[in-house]
Amino acid sequence: MQAPPRVLTVAGSDSGGGAGIQADLKTMLALRTHGMSVIAAVTAQNSLGVQAFWELPAEAVVAQFRSVVDDIGVQAVKTGMLASAALVELVAGLLADVDAPVVVDPVGVSKHGDPLLAADALDAVRGRLLPAATVVTPNLPEVEQLTGVRVTSEDGMRRAADAILAHGPRWALIKGGHLPGEAVDLLTDGTDEHWLRAPRLDNRHTHGTGCTLASAIAARLAHGDPVPDAVAAAKEYVTGAIAAGFPLGAGIGPVHHGHALS
C-alpha cells in the first residue's frame, strides 16, 4: 500500500482542538494526506480565548523537525503560530533546506483577539519567514500588522498584496473575511490575479478558519496541485467547514473539519 502525500505543520497546539496543530492535522486527514507536526508552542485555549501560552525550547523544535524531515520527508509544509522572533528565525532557517512548497500563515492574534506573536518578531517574519513562503495567507489585520497597509474595501486588496509580495513570497493570498459582504480573497503573484468569492455564512462558530485554510492549501499542494488550483480547492473546503461549524463551550465554536466525511 502506498503512503498518502506527507504534510508537516509547524505551529502551536490548541488545547481546545479548534485551531493550531489540532486543526491542521484534522484538515490534512480530511484531504487525504498524512499530517505530521512540529509543536512550537503550547496554548491553554478554549472557546472563550487563549488563557496562556508557552514557547517550546529551540532544541525541542529542531529535534522534532529533523526527526520528521530526515526520515519521513515532506511534500508540503505549513507554518502557523511561532510566537517569538527567536522561533521565527529558527523555523525560517530550517525551511531553507526543505525542497517542498511552504504555506505561511502569519498568525498574529487569535480569533478572540489574543496576541500570539511578540511585537519584536514582526521584523523576523518580514525578513526571514515571508521570503521562504510559496504562499502566505494573511488576513487584513495581519496585513496591517506586517506592512502598515489598512484595507477597508476590495480596492485596497491589490495594494495589500503588493506590500506583502515586496517581502519575497511567491504568492500572496489576501483574505478579505473582515470586509462586509461576501467572503472575497485575492490570490496573486504580482502578475496573475485570482479572485475567490463565497457567500457570507450566518454562523458565528468559525474558530480555526485561518489554520484550516492554510493547511488545506498545503494538503492540495502536496497532492501536486498548482497554487491557484490548491487555493481554490482549499477555499471550497473551508467554506463547507464554516457552514458546518458547531457550538462548543460558552464562546465561539470551531469549524467542522470532517464536514465532507459525514
Protein backbone atom coordinates (compact mmCIF):
# COMPACT_ATOMS: atom_id res chain seq x y z
CA MET A 1 0.00 0.00 0.00
CA GLN A 2 1.35 3.43 -0.98
CA ALA A 3 1.61 6.17 1.64
CA PRO A 4 -0.50 9.30 1.11
CA PRO A 5 1.18 12.65 0.49
CA ARG A 6 3.04 13.90 3.57
CA VAL A 7 2.38 17.36 5.03
CA LEU A 8 4.17 18.91 8.00
CA THR A 9 2.71 21.62 10.23
CA VAL A 10 5.00 23.78 12.36
CA ALA A 11 2.71 25.63 14.73
CA GLY A 12 1.19 25.92 18.19
CA SER A 13 -1.06 23.44 19.95
CA ASP A 14 -4.68 24.48 20.67
CA SER A 15 -5.87 22.60 23.74
CA GLY A 16 -9.49 23.22 22.71
CA GLY A 17 -8.95 21.41 19.41
CA GLY A 18 -10.38 24.06 17.08
CA ALA A 19 -7.26 25.72 15.70
CA GLY A 20 -3.49 25.26 15.62
CA ILE A 21 -1.85 21.88 15.28
CA GLN A 22 -5.13 20.09 16.01
CA ALA A 23 -7.00 21.86 13.21
CA ASP A 24 -4.07 21.33 10.85
CA LEU A 25 -3.97 17.57 11.38
CA LYS A 26 -7.74 17.20 11.06
CA THR A 27 -7.68 19.14 7.80
CA MET A 28 -4.80 17.12 6.42
CA LEU A 29 -6.62 13.87 7.18
CA ALA A 30 -9.86 15.14 5.63
CA LEU A 31 -7.95 15.99 2.45
CA ARG A 32 -6.32 12.57 2.22
CA THR A 33 -2.80 13.41 3.32
CA HIS A 34 -0.60 12.19 6.15
CA GLY A 35 -0.22 15.03 8.63
CA MET A 36 2.88 15.41 10.82
CA SER A 37 3.72 18.05 13.38
CA VAL A 38 6.40 20.18 14.95
CA ILE A 39 4.89 21.81 18.03
CA ALA A 40 6.49 25.24 18.51
CA ALA A 41 4.25 26.48 21.32
CA VAL A 42 1.56 25.17 23.65
CA THR A 43 -1.58 27.17 24.44
CA ALA A 44 -4.18 26.91 27.18
CA GLN A 45 -7.14 27.74 24.98
CA ASN A 46 -10.87 27.16 24.77
CA SER A 47 -13.97 28.64 23.13
CA LEU A 48 -13.57 31.84 25.15
CA GLY A 49 -9.97 32.66 24.22
CA VAL A 50 -6.32 31.97 24.92
CA GLN A 51 -5.60 31.97 28.65
CA ALA A 52 -1.84 31.38 28.36
CA PHE A 53 0.86 30.05 26.08
CA TRP A 54 4.40 28.73 26.36
CA GLU A 55 7.08 28.51 23.67
CA LEU A 56 8.98 25.24 23.35
CA PRO A 57 12.77 25.35 23.64
CA ALA A 58 14.68 25.73 20.38
CA GLU A 59 16.25 22.29 20.76
CA ALA A 60 12.80 20.67 21.01
CA VAL A 61 11.63 22.38 17.82
CA VAL A 62 14.78 21.42 15.92
CA ALA A 63 14.65 17.81 17.15
CA GLN A 64 11.02 17.39 16.06
CA PHE A 65 11.71 18.93 12.65
CA ARG A 66 14.83 16.88 11.93
CA SER A 67 13.19 13.68 13.17
CA VAL A 68 10.35 14.02 10.67
CA VAL A 69 12.11 15.58 7.68
CA ASP A 70 15.24 13.40 7.76
CA ASP A 71 13.37 10.10 7.96
CA ILE A 72 9.86 10.51 6.55
CA GLY A 73 10.28 13.55 4.31
CA VAL A 74 7.68 16.15 3.41
CA GLN A 75 5.81 17.17 0.28
CA ALA A 76 4.48 20.41 1.75
CA VAL A 77 4.98 22.43 4.94
CA LYS A 78 2.58 24.79 6.71
CA THR A 79 3.64 27.22 9.43
CA GLY A 80 1.32 28.81 11.98
CA MET A 81 1.84 30.28 15.44
CA LEU A 82 5.56 30.80 16.07
CA ALA A 83 5.19 33.25 18.99
CA SER A 84 8.65 34.88 19.14
CA ALA A 85 11.42 36.33 16.99
CA ALA A 86 13.73 33.50 18.05
CA LEU A 87 11.28 30.82 16.91
CA VAL A 88 10.57 32.62 13.63
CA GLU A 89 14.30 32.86 12.89
CA LEU A 90 14.82 29.23 13.85
CA VAL A 91 11.99 27.88 11.69
CA ALA A 92 12.96 30.05 8.72
CA GLY A 93 16.46 28.58 8.90
CA LEU A 94 15.10 25.05 8.99
CA LEU A 95 12.84 25.69 5.99
CA ALA A 96 15.80 26.87 3.91
CA ASP A 97 16.85 23.24 3.42
CA VAL A 98 13.38 21.90 2.53
CA ASP A 99 12.63 21.24 -1.13
CA ALA A 100 8.84 21.44 -0.85
CA PRO A 101 6.14 24.12 -1.04
CA VAL A 102 5.75 26.20 2.12
CA VAL A 103 2.48 27.82 3.20
CA VAL A 104 2.98 30.57 5.79
CA ASP A 105 0.02 31.59 7.95
CA PRO A 106 1.46 34.67 9.71
CA VAL A 107 -0.55 34.21 12.90
CA GLY A 108 -0.60 37.41 14.91
CA VAL A 109 -3.73 37.21 17.04
CA SER A 110 -6.31 34.57 17.90
CA LYS A 111 -9.94 34.59 16.80
CA HIS A 112 -10.73 36.21 20.16
CA GLY A 113 -8.12 38.96 19.74
CA ASP A 114 -5.47 37.44 21.99
CA PRO A 115 -1.90 38.23 20.83
CA LEU A 116 0.04 35.16 19.64
CA LEU A 117 3.12 36.84 18.17
CA ALA A 118 5.54 39.09 20.03
CA ALA A 119 5.78 42.61 18.62
CA ASP A 120 9.53 42.26 18.19
CA ALA A 121 9.02 39.21 15.94
CA LEU A 122 7.49 41.18 13.07
CA ASP A 123 10.86 42.05 11.52
CA ALA A 124 11.81 38.37 11.55
CA VAL A 125 8.53 37.42 9.88
CA ARG A 126 9.02 40.06 7.20
CA GLY A 127 12.70 39.46 6.61
CA ARG A 128 13.09 35.72 7.15
CA LEU A 129 9.78 33.84 7.02
CA LEU A 130 7.90 35.53 4.18
CA PRO A 131 10.79 35.06 1.72
CA ALA A 132 10.61 31.30 2.41
CA ALA A 133 6.90 31.12 1.51
CA THR A 134 5.39 29.64 -1.60
CA VAL A 135 2.08 31.11 -0.41
CA VAL A 136 1.47 33.49 2.50
CA THR A 137 -2.09 33.78 3.82
CA PRO A 138 -2.61 36.95 5.91
CA ASN A 139 -5.98 38.28 6.92
CA LEU A 140 -6.48 42.04 6.83
CA PRO A 141 -5.37 42.75 10.43
CA GLU A 142 -2.22 40.70 9.76
CA VAL A 143 -1.58 42.66 6.55
CA GLU A 144 -1.78 45.89 8.54
CA GLN A 145 0.42 44.47 11.29
CA LEU A 146 3.12 43.40 8.80
CA THR A 147 3.00 46.23 6.25
CA GLY A 148 1.06 49.15 7.70
CA VAL A 149 -1.43 48.91 4.82
CA ARG A 150 -5.02 49.24 6.09
CA VAL A 151 -7.66 47.74 3.82
CA THR A 152 -11.28 48.88 4.07
CA SER A 153 -12.59 47.74 0.67
CA GLU A 154 -11.87 45.30 -2.15
CA ASP A 155 -9.98 48.01 -4.00
CA GLY A 156 -7.35 48.04 -1.24
CA MET A 157 -6.63 44.33 -1.51
CA ARG A 158 -4.31 44.76 -4.50
CA ARG A 159 -2.28 47.32 -2.56
CA ALA A 160 -2.13 44.87 0.37
CA ALA A 161 -0.93 42.07 -1.91
CA ASP A 162 1.80 44.28 -3.38
CA ALA A 163 3.00 45.18 0.11
CA ILE A 164 3.16 41.52 1.15
CA LEU A 165 4.83 40.39 -2.09
CA ALA A 166 7.52 43.02 -1.59
CA HIS A 167 8.85 40.83 1.24
CA GLY A 168 9.56 37.92 -1.09
CA PRO A 169 6.87 35.20 -1.07
CA ARG A 170 5.96 33.73 -4.47
CA TRP A 171 2.20 34.15 -3.94
CA ALA A 172 0.09 36.24 -1.57
CA LEU A 173 -3.43 35.23 -0.58
CA ILE A 174 -5.09 38.29 0.95
CA LYS A 175 -8.08 37.12 2.94
CA GLY A 176 -10.94 39.62 2.91
CA GLY A 177 -13.10 37.97 5.54
CA HIS A 178 -13.06 41.14 7.67
CA LEU A 179 -14.75 43.17 4.92
CA PRO A 180 -18.56 43.43 4.75
CA GLY A 181 -20.48 41.48 2.14
CA GLU A 182 -19.39 38.23 0.55
CA ALA A 183 -16.20 36.48 1.64
CA VAL A 184 -13.69 37.55 -1.01
CA ASP A 185 -9.99 36.66 -1.18
CA LEU A 186 -7.31 37.76 -3.63
CA LEU A 187 -4.55 35.38 -4.73
CA THR A 188 -1.76 36.91 -6.79
CA ASP A 189 1.90 36.51 -7.63
CA GLY A 190 2.10 40.12 -8.78
CA THR A 191 1.16 39.21 -12.34
CA ASP A 192 -1.72 36.75 -12.30
CA GLU A 193 -4.78 37.58 -10.19
CA HIS A 194 -7.38 35.13 -8.92
CA TRP A 195 -10.41 36.46 -7.04
CA LEU A 196 -12.13 33.83 -4.90
CA ARG A 197 -15.65 34.51 -3.70
CA ALA A 198 -18.05 32.69 -1.40
CA PRO A 199 -21.29 33.73 0.28
CA ARG A 200 -21.09 35.21 3.77
CA LEU A 201 -22.38 32.45 6.04
CA ASP A 202 -24.55 33.18 9.06
CA ASN A 203 -22.58 31.09 11.54
CA ARG A 204 -20.56 32.55 14.40
CA HIS A 205 -18.70 29.28 15.02
CA THR A 206 -15.61 29.99 12.92
CA HIS A 207 -12.72 29.21 15.27
CA GLY A 208 -9.78 27.83 13.30
CA THR A 209 -10.61 29.19 9.84
CA GLY A 210 -7.13 30.59 9.16
CA CYS A 211 -5.28 27.48 10.27
CA THR A 212 -7.71 25.30 8.35
CA LEU A 213 -7.39 27.25 5.11
CA ALA A 214 -3.58 27.29 5.18
CA SER A 215 -3.44 23.58 5.98
CA ALA A 216 -5.87 22.79 3.18
CA ILE A 217 -3.69 24.71 0.73
CA ALA A 218 -0.64 22.75 1.90
CA ALA A 219 -2.52 19.47 1.55
CA ARG A 220 -3.56 20.24 -2.01
CA LEU A 221 -0.02 21.35 -2.89
CA ALA A 222 1.23 18.02 -1.54
CA HIS A 223 -1.17 16.33 -3.96
CA GLY A 224 0.58 18.22 -6.76
CA ASP A 225 -1.95 20.97 -7.48
CA PRO A 226 -0.70 24.23 -8.97
CA VAL A 227 -1.04 27.09 -6.47
CA PRO A 228 -4.24 28.62 -7.93
CA ASP A 229 -5.96 25.23 -8.01
CA ALA A 230 -4.78 24.40 -4.48
CA VAL A 231 -6.11 27.69 -3.11
CA ALA A 232 -9.46 27.35 -4.90
CA ALA A 233 -9.92 23.81 -3.53
CA ALA A 234 -8.92 24.96 -0.04
CA LYS A 235 -11.39 27.86 -0.20
CA GLU A 236 -14.17 25.43 -1.14
CA TYR A 237 -13.22 23.10 1.72
CA VAL A 238 -13.08 25.81 4.38
CA THR A 239 -16.38 27.32 3.20
CA GLY A 240 -18.00 23.94 3.82
CA ALA A 241 -16.26 23.68 7.19
CA ILE A 242 -17.60 27.10 8.21
CA ALA A 243 -21.10 26.20 7.09
CA ALA A 244 -20.96 23.12 9.34
CA GLY A 245 -19.29 24.91 12.29
CA PHE A 246 -20.82 23.91 15.60
CA PRO A 247 -21.22 25.31 19.13
CA LEU A 248 -18.68 24.18 21.69
CA GLY A 249 -18.25 25.59 25.18
CA ALA A 250 -19.57 29.02 26.09
CA GLY A 251 -17.92 31.02 23.29
CA ILE A 252 -17.01 30.61 19.62
CA GLY A 253 -17.13 27.05 18.38
CA PRO A 254 -14.89 25.54 15.70
CA VAL A 255 -15.38 24.92 12.03
CA HIS A 256 -16.18 21.29 11.22
CA HIS A 257 -13.07 19.76 9.70
CA GLY A 258 -14.83 16.48 8.91
CA HIS A 259 -17.85 18.01 7.22
CA ALA A 260 -17.15 16.30 3.90
CA LEU A 261 -16.82 12.90 5.59
CA SER A 262 -20.22 12.94 7.30
